[in-house]
Amino acid sequence: MTATLPRPTVPEARPASPRAVLTVILTSYLLIILDVSIVITALPEIQADLGFADAQLSWVQNAYALAFGGFLLLGARAGDLLGRRRMFITGFSVFVAASALGTAALSPEMLLGARLLQGLGAAIATPATLALLIVTFEEGPARTRAVSWYAAAASGGGSLGLVVGGMLTTWVSWRLGMAINVPLGLAMLWFAPRVLQETPRRAGHFDIAGAVLSTTGMTSLVYAFVSAAQRGFGDPVTLVAAVLAVTLLVSFVRVERRAEQPITPLHLFKSRRRSGALLGRMFVVSGMMSVFFFMSQFMQEVHGYSALEAGLAFLPMTLVLFATTQILPRLLARVEETTVLVVGLAIAASSLLAIADVGPATAYFPGIGLPLVTLGLGMGLAFAPLTSVAMIGVPTAEAGAASGLVNAAHQLGGSLGLAGMVSVYAAAVGPGAAGHAAGTDAVLHVAAGLLAIGLVIIATVVVPDARRERAAQRSVEAAFAE
């Protein structure tokens, strides 16, 4: 299908300051990431207000993740062909409209429909955000600072969503967690055509077969894990979804090998560094999302925290994470980014082990609060290099596709990890506060293991490849010097 759309009637952006571009991109992206977790602390209130059945409640979270993860690669390809600013505005408009719909939800079905639409809009807009950032800032200190802020939004948005969701739910209503997207989103939609430069449209065709297979395949994969968390891995629905996901994704790879203009250029995976960074990211995010979800529930169920108190418990971690973003560019100017990445992941994994034996008698400080602070430090150090490594050397024309892969790894990692951890928790949980603590302990130990796997992948795949490239570059420079 040839990519032909009418030219937009929005005003053309004049050259804007990098700060204005970064503000629009980061604010929009942060709103999208906040909505992954902003409902977690509000789930009991949502259930009481709209009458959700217990089996339905997890879909308030899963519906967003399902659509977000499923349509990311399609959104990325659309941005590369049709113009990234155009697709950002289109997707973010859907996201804002769906947020308004969710704010006014009167039934479980209406809220779940709004969450699905939010995820669809996020999937269209998100690849364009990182791609626009990469093409706006040239490689060097400016891009390092921009990517550091972007990575902070990706990693800190989850914990910040818990804080904001807890505050709004306690002080006003869970509905305000979605309502805040509307005025802020409309402001970003007004600024976007005036600040962001449009990228050229490319003559080309949509890979319809690849789009259908990638979307249905990733959606089936997420659904299989969601079903496993609710019904078990041996349930027929779970097995059918898993087999369907594998079949569709294998077919997707075969189609992409033959496609003239694939929705996801497979040669992007030829870089060991990029492939390692994407796989490592999935394991790391799987562990981190589990911490947010289950520690929030632990604090409310075992320690009796309110939604506000549970959200505020993550505030020190969030502040440290964003503060680390401020010093990271100066650190990366002196230390190799792969070294910073490895150290950050090691700190994060150690922090999870330190918090993994929580129980009813564990005081917030130092037993919980201190490991959360060091976890924020580790994540603050790790996520910017993890993002940058996956985007190094990507041609401008394929920045959207590479951005889609980064965000797909992030969202699928979170979705699959959280769904799998529900099964881990269910297998270990027992009656009473001690039983909830036992389930949380099991989840945190597995989460620490996931971060450790991510660390091993980075250390054995990404770091050696980066060293080889630096050695080759030094050889070329030495040859020219002679």
Protein backbone atom coordinates (compact mmCIF):
# COMPACT_ATOMS: atom_id res chain seq x y z
CA MET A 1 0.00 0.00 0.00
CA THR A 2 1.63 3.24 -1.11
CA ALA A 3 2.09 5.77 1.70
CA THR A 4 0.14 8.79 0.41
CA LEU A 5 -1.57 11.19 2.80
CA PRO A 6 -2.60 14.81 2.30
CA ARG A 7 -0.19 17.38 3.59
CA PRO A 8 -1.02 18.64 7.08
CA THR A 9 -2.62 22.05 7.54
CA VAL A 10 -0.79 22.72 10.82
CA PRO A 11 1.74 25.57 10.74
CA GLU A 12 5.27 24.62 9.78
CA ALA A 13 7.71 24.62 12.68
CA ARG A 14 10.35 27.30 12.70
CA PRO A 15 13.80 26.42 13.99
CA ALA A 16 13.24 26.07 17.73
CA SER A 17 15.63 25.96 20.62
CA PRO A 18 16.78 22.48 21.60
CA ARG A 19 15.26 23.09 25.02
CA ALA A 20 11.81 23.67 23.50
CA VAL A 21 12.07 20.51 21.39
CA LEU A 22 13.18 18.49 24.40
CA THR A 23 10.37 19.89 26.54
CA VAL A 24 7.66 18.84 24.08
CA ILE A 25 9.16 15.37 23.54
CA LEU A 26 9.82 14.63 27.21
CA THR A 27 6.51 15.95 28.52
CA SER A 28 4.54 13.93 25.98
CA TYR A 29 6.60 10.78 26.51
CA LEU A 30 6.39 11.11 30.30
CA LEU A 31 2.58 11.29 30.15
CA ILE A 32 2.56 8.10 28.07
CA ILE A 33 4.89 6.27 30.48
CA LEU A 34 3.02 7.54 33.55
CA ASP A 35 -0.13 5.85 32.30
CA VAL A 36 1.58 2.46 32.46
CA SER A 37 1.63 2.62 36.28
CA ILE A 38 -0.56 5.52 37.38
CA VAL A 39 -3.55 3.21 37.87
CA ILE A 40 -1.72 0.64 40.03
CA THR A 41 -2.25 2.36 43.38
CA ALA A 42 -5.81 3.29 42.33
CA LEU A 43 -7.01 -0.24 41.47
CA PRO A 44 -8.99 -0.79 44.71
CA GLU A 45 -10.84 2.52 44.21
CA ILE A 46 -11.48 1.79 40.52
CA GLN A 47 -12.92 -1.60 41.44
CA ALA A 48 -15.22 -0.11 44.07
CA ASP A 49 -16.34 2.77 41.83
CA LEU A 50 -17.07 0.88 38.60
CA GLY A 51 -17.84 -2.57 39.94
CA PHE A 52 -15.00 -4.51 38.36
CA ALA A 53 -14.95 -8.24 39.04
CA ASP A 54 -11.67 -9.52 40.50
CA ALA A 55 -10.82 -11.31 37.24
CA GLN A 56 -11.40 -8.10 35.23
CA LEU A 57 -9.36 -5.73 37.35
CA SER A 58 -5.91 -6.61 36.03
CA TRP A 59 -7.11 -5.63 32.54
CA VAL A 60 -7.09 -1.97 33.55
CA GLN A 61 -3.32 -2.38 33.39
CA ASN A 62 -3.12 -5.08 30.75
CA ALA A 63 -5.38 -3.42 28.14
CA TYR A 64 -3.02 -0.46 27.89
CA ALA A 65 0.07 -2.69 27.75
CA LEU A 66 -1.52 -5.01 25.18
CA ALA A 67 -2.31 -2.27 22.65
CA PHE A 68 0.89 -0.34 23.40
CA GLY A 69 3.18 -3.32 22.86
CA GLY A 70 1.22 -4.78 19.97
CA PHE A 71 1.16 -1.74 17.67
CA LEU A 72 4.62 -0.26 18.34
CA LEU A 73 6.37 -1.64 15.25
CA LEU A 74 3.51 -0.49 13.01
CA GLY A 75 3.67 2.98 14.56
CA ALA A 76 7.42 3.10 14.01
CA ARG A 77 7.16 2.22 10.32
CA ALA A 78 4.37 4.76 9.81
CA GLY A 79 6.61 7.49 11.24
CA ASP A 80 9.50 6.58 8.95
CA LEU A 81 7.28 6.73 5.84
CA LEU A 82 4.73 9.43 6.58
CA GLY A 83 6.74 11.84 8.73
CA ARG A 84 7.50 11.51 12.41
CA ARG A 85 5.98 14.78 13.54
CA ARG A 86 2.76 13.94 11.71
CA MET A 87 2.53 10.51 13.32
CA PHE A 88 3.44 11.89 16.74
CA ILE A 89 0.59 14.39 16.53
CA THR A 90 -1.81 11.71 15.24
CA GLY A 91 -0.95 9.18 17.92
CA PHE A 92 -0.83 11.66 20.76
CA SER A 93 -4.21 13.08 19.72
CA VAL A 94 -5.70 9.58 20.06
CA PHE A 95 -4.00 9.21 23.45
CA VAL A 96 -5.42 12.51 24.76
CA ALA A 97 -8.93 11.79 23.45
CA ALA A 98 -8.86 8.32 25.03
CA SER A 99 -7.73 9.86 28.33
CA ALA A 100 -10.81 12.10 28.29
CA LEU A 101 -12.96 9.04 27.59
CA GLY A 102 -11.38 7.17 30.50
CA THR A 103 -11.96 10.10 32.83
CA ALA A 104 -15.69 9.92 32.11
CA ALA A 105 -15.92 6.09 32.23
CA LEU A 106 -19.20 4.83 33.70
CA SER A 107 -18.61 1.08 33.35
CA PRO A 108 -15.74 -1.42 33.27
CA GLU A 109 -16.20 -1.86 29.51
CA MET A 110 -15.95 1.89 28.89
CA LEU A 111 -12.75 2.20 30.93
CA LEU A 112 -11.13 -0.81 29.27
CA GLY A 113 -12.03 0.54 25.83
CA ALA A 114 -10.42 3.85 26.75
CA ARG A 115 -7.29 2.08 27.97
CA LEU A 116 -7.03 0.15 24.69
CA LEU A 117 -7.31 3.39 22.72
CA GLN A 118 -4.72 5.02 24.99
CA GLY A 119 -2.34 2.17 24.23
CA LEU A 120 -2.98 2.46 20.49
CA GLY A 121 -2.28 6.19 20.52
CA ALA A 122 0.84 5.66 22.62
CA ALA A 123 2.11 3.01 20.18
CA ILE A 124 1.77 5.42 17.24
CA ALA A 125 3.32 8.40 19.03
CA THR A 126 6.12 6.83 21.08
CA PRO A 127 8.51 5.68 18.30
CA ALA A 128 8.40 9.20 16.88
CA THR A 129 9.52 10.75 20.18
CA LEU A 130 12.90 9.00 20.34
CA ALA A 131 13.38 9.24 16.57
CA LEU A 132 12.74 13.01 16.63
CA LEU A 133 15.17 13.36 19.50
CA ILE A 134 17.89 11.43 17.65
CA VAL A 135 17.54 13.45 14.43
CA THR A 136 17.35 16.77 16.34
CA PHE A 137 20.48 16.32 18.46
CA GLU A 138 23.77 15.39 16.81
CA GLU A 139 25.97 12.75 18.40
CA GLY A 140 27.98 14.23 21.23
CA PRO A 141 27.30 15.91 24.59
CA ALA A 142 23.98 17.43 23.48
CA ARG A 143 22.54 14.09 22.42
CA THR A 144 23.93 12.44 25.55
CA ARG A 145 22.06 14.92 27.74
CA ALA A 146 18.87 14.53 25.70
CA VAL A 147 19.00 10.72 25.78
CA SER A 148 19.73 10.84 29.52
CA TRP A 149 16.52 12.78 30.12
CA TYR A 150 14.58 10.48 27.80
CA ALA A 151 15.90 7.41 29.60
CA ALA A 152 15.03 8.99 32.95
CA ALA A 153 11.44 9.41 31.76
CA ALA A 154 11.38 5.77 30.61
CA SER A 155 12.80 4.36 33.85
CA GLY A 156 11.51 6.90 36.35
CA GLY A 157 8.06 7.34 34.81
CA GLY A 158 6.91 4.04 36.30
CA SER A 159 7.77 4.99 39.88
CA LEU A 160 6.59 8.57 39.36
CA GLY A 161 3.25 7.18 38.16
CA LEU A 162 2.86 5.41 41.51
CA VAL A 163 3.51 8.66 43.37
CA VAL A 164 1.17 10.76 41.23
CA GLY A 165 -1.51 8.07 41.13
CA GLY A 166 -1.43 7.66 44.90
CA MET A 167 -1.65 11.42 45.51
CA LEU A 168 -4.50 12.03 43.08
CA THR A 169 -6.48 8.97 44.21
CA THR A 170 -6.23 9.90 47.88
CA TRP A 171 -6.79 13.63 47.56
CA VAL A 172 -9.34 13.79 44.73
CA SER A 173 -10.23 10.73 42.62
CA TRP A 174 -8.62 8.04 40.49
CA ARG A 175 -10.21 9.77 37.50
CA LEU A 176 -7.85 12.71 37.85
CA GLY A 177 -4.97 10.38 36.98
CA MET A 178 -6.33 10.26 33.44
CA ALA A 179 -7.78 13.75 33.40
CA ILE A 180 -4.37 15.42 33.81
CA ASN A 181 -3.41 14.06 30.38
CA VAL A 182 -6.02 16.26 28.72
CA PRO A 183 -4.85 19.84 29.47
CA LEU A 184 -1.16 18.91 29.36
CA GLY A 185 -1.68 16.84 26.22
CA LEU A 186 -3.59 19.61 24.45
CA ALA A 187 -0.79 22.04 25.29
CA MET A 188 1.80 19.68 23.79
CA LEU A 189 -0.37 19.22 20.68
CA TRP A 190 -0.49 23.00 20.26
CA PHE A 191 3.28 23.36 20.64
CA ALA A 192 4.28 20.31 18.57
CA PRO A 193 3.67 21.72 15.06
CA ARG A 194 5.30 24.99 16.12
CA VAL A 195 8.39 23.46 17.69
CA LEU A 196 9.10 20.07 16.10
CA GLN A 197 10.55 19.92 12.60
CA GLU A 198 8.85 17.46 10.28
CA THR A 199 10.99 14.70 8.86
CA PRO A 200 10.71 14.13 5.10
CA ARG A 201 8.17 11.64 3.87
CA ARG A 202 9.74 8.72 2.05
CA ALA A 203 8.38 7.13 -1.08
CA GLY A 204 7.58 3.59 -0.14
CA HIS A 205 5.01 0.98 0.66
CA PHE A 206 3.56 -0.32 3.86
CA ASP A 207 4.51 -3.90 4.50
CA ILE A 208 0.91 -4.96 5.13
CA ALA A 209 1.75 -8.63 5.80
CA GLY A 210 4.52 -7.66 8.20
CA ALA A 211 2.29 -5.13 9.97
CA VAL A 212 -0.50 -7.66 10.49
CA LEU A 213 1.84 -10.43 11.62
CA SER A 214 3.88 -8.25 14.01
CA THR A 215 0.80 -6.66 15.59
CA THR A 216 -1.15 -9.89 16.04
CA GLY A 217 1.97 -11.82 17.04
CA MET A 218 3.07 -9.45 19.79
CA THR A 219 -0.51 -8.99 21.00
CA SER A 220 -0.90 -12.77 21.23
CA LEU A 221 2.39 -13.05 23.11
CA VAL A 222 1.36 -10.48 25.72
CA TYR A 223 -2.08 -12.09 26.00
CA ALA A 224 -0.51 -15.53 26.55
CA PHE A 225 1.39 -14.25 29.57
CA VAL A 226 -1.64 -12.34 30.89
CA SER A 227 -3.73 -15.51 30.54
CA ALA A 228 -1.03 -17.56 32.27
CA ALA A 229 -1.14 -15.19 35.22
CA GLN A 230 -4.92 -15.59 35.49
CA ARG A 231 -5.49 -19.21 34.42
CA GLY A 232 -2.10 -20.90 34.62
CA PHE A 233 0.42 -21.96 31.98
CA GLY A 234 -1.39 -25.25 31.35
CA ASP A 235 -4.74 -23.67 30.54
CA PRO A 236 -5.95 -24.29 26.95
CA VAL A 237 -6.49 -20.55 26.32
CA THR A 238 -2.92 -19.82 27.44
CA LEU A 239 -1.48 -22.61 25.29
CA VAL A 240 -3.43 -21.56 22.21
CA ALA A 241 -2.33 -17.94 22.62
CA ALA A 242 1.31 -18.99 23.08
CA VAL A 243 1.32 -21.30 20.04
CA LEU A 244 -0.40 -18.63 17.96
CA ALA A 245 2.16 -16.02 19.07
CA VAL A 246 5.13 -18.22 18.13
CA THR A 247 3.57 -19.11 14.77
CA LEU A 248 2.79 -15.51 13.89
CA LEU A 249 6.18 -14.14 14.97
CA VAL A 250 8.10 -16.84 13.07
CA SER A 251 5.99 -16.03 10.01
CA PHE A 252 6.73 -12.34 10.58
CA VAL A 253 10.50 -12.96 10.43
CA ARG A 254 10.10 -14.97 7.22
CA VAL A 255 8.02 -12.23 5.61
CA GLU A 256 10.49 -9.52 6.64
CA ARG A 257 13.35 -11.42 5.01
CA ARG A 258 11.58 -11.28 1.65
CA ALA A 259 9.85 -7.89 1.94
CA GLU A 260 11.08 -5.15 -0.37
CA GLN A 261 10.51 -2.52 2.33
CA PRO A 262 10.05 -4.38 5.63
CA ILE A 263 8.21 -2.86 8.58
CA THR A 264 11.23 -3.84 10.70
CA PRO A 265 14.54 -3.98 8.80
CA LEU A 266 16.11 -7.20 10.09
CA HIS A 267 19.61 -5.92 9.39
CA LEU A 268 19.21 -3.75 12.50
CA PHE A 269 19.72 -6.97 14.47
CA LYS A 270 23.07 -7.68 12.80
CA SER A 271 24.69 -5.38 15.34
CA ARG A 272 25.54 -7.56 18.36
CA ARG A 273 25.64 -4.44 20.49
CA ARG A 274 22.11 -3.38 19.52
CA SER A 275 20.64 -6.87 19.81
CA GLY A 276 22.27 -7.36 23.20
CA ALA A 277 21.00 -4.01 24.42
CA LEU A 278 17.44 -4.81 23.32
CA LEU A 279 17.43 -8.26 24.93
CA GLY A 280 19.07 -6.97 28.09
CA ARG A 281 16.50 -4.18 28.28
CA MET A 282 13.65 -6.70 28.23
CA PHE A 283 15.05 -8.56 31.25
CA VAL A 284 15.81 -5.36 33.17
CA VAL A 285 12.38 -3.82 32.61
CA SER A 286 10.70 -7.13 33.48
CA GLY A 287 12.29 -6.99 36.91
CA MET A 288 11.65 -3.29 37.48
CA MET A 289 7.94 -3.34 36.64
CA SER A 290 7.49 -6.22 39.06
CA VAL A 291 9.05 -4.15 41.83
CA PHE A 292 6.69 -1.24 41.23
CA PHE A 293 3.57 -3.38 41.14
CA PHE A 294 4.23 -5.82 43.97
CA MET A 295 6.00 -3.47 46.38
CA SER A 296 3.07 -1.07 46.05
CA GLN A 297 0.66 -3.89 46.90
CA PHE A 298 2.92 -5.08 49.74
CA MET A 299 2.96 -1.67 51.37
CA GLN A 300 -0.83 -1.42 51.24
CA GLU A 301 -1.69 -5.03 52.12
CA VAL A 302 1.01 -5.74 54.73
CA HIS A 303 2.00 -2.37 56.16
CA GLY A 304 -1.44 -0.82 55.83
CA TYR A 305 -0.31 2.15 53.76
CA SER A 306 -2.87 4.26 51.96
CA ALA A 307 -2.60 4.73 48.19
CA LEU A 308 -0.91 8.10 48.88
CA GLU A 309 1.57 6.64 51.35
CA ALA A 310 2.42 3.74 49.03
CA GLY A 311 3.07 6.19 46.20
CA LEU A 312 5.17 8.51 48.37
CA ALA A 313 7.26 5.55 49.51
CA PHE A 314 8.73 5.49 45.99
CA LEU A 315 9.45 9.24 45.95
CA PRO A 316 13.07 9.01 47.26
CA MET A 317 13.88 6.47 44.54
CA THR A 318 12.33 8.70 41.87
CA LEU A 319 14.19 11.80 43.07
CA VAL A 320 17.53 10.00 43.10
CA LEU A 321 16.89 8.61 39.62
CA PHE A 322 16.16 12.04 38.14
CA ALA A 323 19.06 13.62 40.07
CA THR A 324 21.40 11.03 38.56
CA THR A 325 20.28 12.21 35.15
CA GLN A 326 21.81 15.62 35.90
CA ILE A 327 25.29 14.25 36.57
CA LEU A 328 25.26 11.46 34.02
CA PRO A 329 26.39 13.50 30.95
CA ARG A 330 29.46 14.72 32.83
CA LEU A 331 30.19 11.17 34.00
CA LEU A 332 29.84 9.77 30.49
CA ALA A 333 32.33 12.38 29.24
CA ARG A 334 34.96 10.70 31.46
CA VAL A 335 33.89 7.05 31.65
CA GLU A 336 32.91 4.63 28.88
CA GLU A 337 29.12 4.30 28.68
CA THR A 338 29.27 0.50 28.76
CA THR A 339 31.19 0.70 32.05
CA VAL A 340 28.56 3.01 33.51
CA LEU A 341 25.85 0.65 32.23
CA VAL A 342 27.39 -2.41 33.89
CA VAL A 343 27.95 -0.60 37.20
CA GLY A 344 24.38 0.73 37.19
CA LEU A 345 22.86 -2.70 36.58
CA ALA A 346 25.07 -4.25 39.28
CA ILE A 347 23.89 -1.64 41.79
CA ALA A 348 20.25 -2.20 40.81
CA ALA A 349 20.44 -6.00 41.09
CA SER A 350 22.19 -5.74 44.47
CA SER A 351 19.48 -3.35 45.66
CA LEU A 352 16.76 -5.86 44.82
CA LEU A 353 18.58 -8.59 46.74
CA ALA A 354 18.85 -6.24 49.72
CA ILE A 355 15.09 -5.63 49.74
CA ALA A 356 14.06 -9.18 48.83
CA ASP A 357 13.53 -10.45 52.40
CA VAL A 358 10.91 -7.92 53.45
CA GLY A 359 8.34 -8.98 55.99
CA PRO A 360 5.60 -7.55 58.23
CA ALA A 361 8.19 -6.35 60.74
CA THR A 362 10.47 -4.67 58.17
CA ALA A 363 10.64 -0.93 58.84
CA TYR A 364 10.45 1.40 55.87
CA PHE A 365 13.84 2.84 56.75
CA PRO A 366 16.36 1.37 56.32
CA GLY A 367 14.83 -1.96 55.25
CA ILE A 368 12.80 -0.65 52.28
CA GLY A 369 13.63 3.01 51.70
CA LEU A 370 17.41 2.65 51.50
CA PRO A 371 17.43 -0.17 48.90
CA LEU A 372 14.87 1.82 46.86
CA VAL A 373 17.24 4.81 46.88
CA THR A 374 20.18 2.73 45.63
CA LEU A 375 17.84 1.11 43.08
CA GLY A 376 17.06 4.60 41.76
CA LEU A 377 20.80 5.31 41.52
CA GLY A 378 21.44 2.10 39.60
CA MET A 379 18.57 2.66 37.18
CA GLY A 380 19.58 6.29 36.69
CA LEU A 381 23.06 5.17 35.68
CA ALA A 382 21.93 2.29 33.47
CA PHE A 383 19.00 3.39 31.34
CA ALA A 384 20.55 6.22 29.34
CA PRO A 385 23.52 4.11 28.16
CA LEU A 386 21.14 1.21 27.52
CA THR A 387 19.07 3.47 25.24
CA SER A 388 22.06 5.09 23.57
CA VAL A 389 23.79 1.79 22.81
CA ALA A 390 20.70 0.54 20.95
CA MET A 391 20.57 3.67 18.75
CA ILE A 392 24.25 4.10 17.87
CA GLY A 393 24.93 3.93 14.14
CA VAL A 394 21.27 3.84 13.09
CA PRO A 395 20.71 5.60 9.72
CA THR A 396 18.43 8.63 9.94
CA ALA A 397 15.90 6.99 7.62
CA GLU A 398 15.56 4.05 10.04
CA ALA A 399 15.58 5.98 13.31
CA GLY A 400 11.86 5.34 13.74
CA ALA A 401 12.21 1.59 13.25
CA ALA A 402 15.10 1.44 15.74
CA SER A 403 13.13 3.58 18.19
CA GLY A 404 10.19 1.22 17.81
CA LEU A 405 12.42 -1.72 18.68
CA VAL A 406 13.73 0.04 21.80
CA ASN A 407 10.24 0.88 22.99
CA ALA A 408 8.89 -2.55 22.01
CA ALA A 409 11.60 -4.19 24.12
CA HIS A 410 10.69 -1.86 26.98
CA GLN A 411 6.94 -2.41 26.84
CA LEU A 412 7.04 -6.13 26.12
CA GLY A 413 9.59 -6.61 28.88
CA GLY A 414 7.30 -4.87 31.36
CA SER A 415 4.16 -6.67 30.19
CA LEU A 416 5.67 -10.15 30.05
CA GLY A 417 7.57 -9.70 33.30
CA LEU A 418 4.55 -8.50 35.22
CA ALA A 419 2.33 -11.26 33.85
CA GLY A 420 4.90 -13.92 34.69
CA MET A 421 5.46 -12.52 38.17
CA VAL A 422 1.78 -12.85 38.98
CA SER A 423 2.26 -16.61 38.65
CA VAL A 424 5.38 -16.48 40.84
CA TYR A 425 3.47 -14.53 43.47
CA ALA A 426 0.46 -16.86 43.33
CA ALA A 427 2.69 -19.91 43.86
CA ALA A 428 4.36 -18.43 46.96
CA VAL A 429 1.62 -16.36 48.63
CA GLY A 430 0.00 -17.59 51.82
CA PRO A 431 -2.68 -16.41 54.26
CA GLY A 432 -2.40 -13.15 56.17
CA ALA A 433 0.34 -10.52 56.20
CA ALA A 434 3.09 -13.13 56.41
CA GLY A 435 1.67 -14.86 53.35
CA HIS A 436 1.63 -11.62 51.33
CA ALA A 437 5.22 -10.99 52.41
CA ALA A 438 6.23 -14.50 51.26
CA GLY A 439 4.74 -13.87 47.81
CA THR A 440 6.50 -10.50 47.56
CA ASP A 441 9.83 -12.03 48.63
CA ALA A 442 9.57 -14.63 45.86
CA VAL A 443 8.84 -11.95 43.26
CA LEU A 444 11.74 -9.75 44.38
CA HIS A 445 14.21 -12.64 44.28
CA VAL A 446 13.13 -13.51 40.74
CA ALA A 447 13.26 -9.81 39.76
CA ALA A 448 16.84 -9.62 41.03
CA GLY A 449 17.61 -12.68 38.93
CA LEU A 450 16.13 -11.01 35.83
CA LEU A 451 18.33 -7.95 36.35
CA ALA A 452 21.32 -10.26 36.81
CA ILE A 453 20.52 -11.97 33.48
CA GLY A 454 20.32 -8.55 31.83
CA LEU A 455 23.69 -7.68 33.37
CA VAL A 456 25.26 -10.89 32.03
CA ILE A 457 23.92 -10.20 28.53
CA ILE A 458 25.35 -6.69 28.59
CA ALA A 459 28.70 -7.83 29.96
CA THR A 460 29.14 -10.73 27.52
CA VAL A 461 27.60 -9.29 24.33
CA VAL A 462 27.48 -5.50 24.42
CA VAL A 463 30.74 -4.70 26.22
CA PRO A 464 33.04 -6.90 24.06
CA ASP A 465 31.45 -5.55 20.87
CA ALA A 466 31.94 -1.96 22.05
CA ARG A 467 35.58 -2.70 22.89
CA ARG A 468 36.21 -4.18 19.44
CA GLU A 469 34.69 -1.12 17.79
CA ARG A 470 36.80 1.26 19.89
CA ALA A 471 39.93 -0.72 19.04
CA ALA A 472 39.10 -0.61 15.33
CA GLN A 473 38.46 3.13 15.53
CA ARG A 474 41.80 3.72 17.26
CA SER A 475 43.55 1.71 14.53
CA VAL A 476 41.95 3.84 11.82
CA GLU A 477 42.88 7.04 13.63
CA ALA A 478 46.46 5.81 14.06
CA ALA A 479 46.67 4.97 10.34
CA PHE A 480 45.53 8.45 9.35
CA ALA A 481 47.95 10.01 11.84
CA GLU A 482 50.82 8.25 10.12
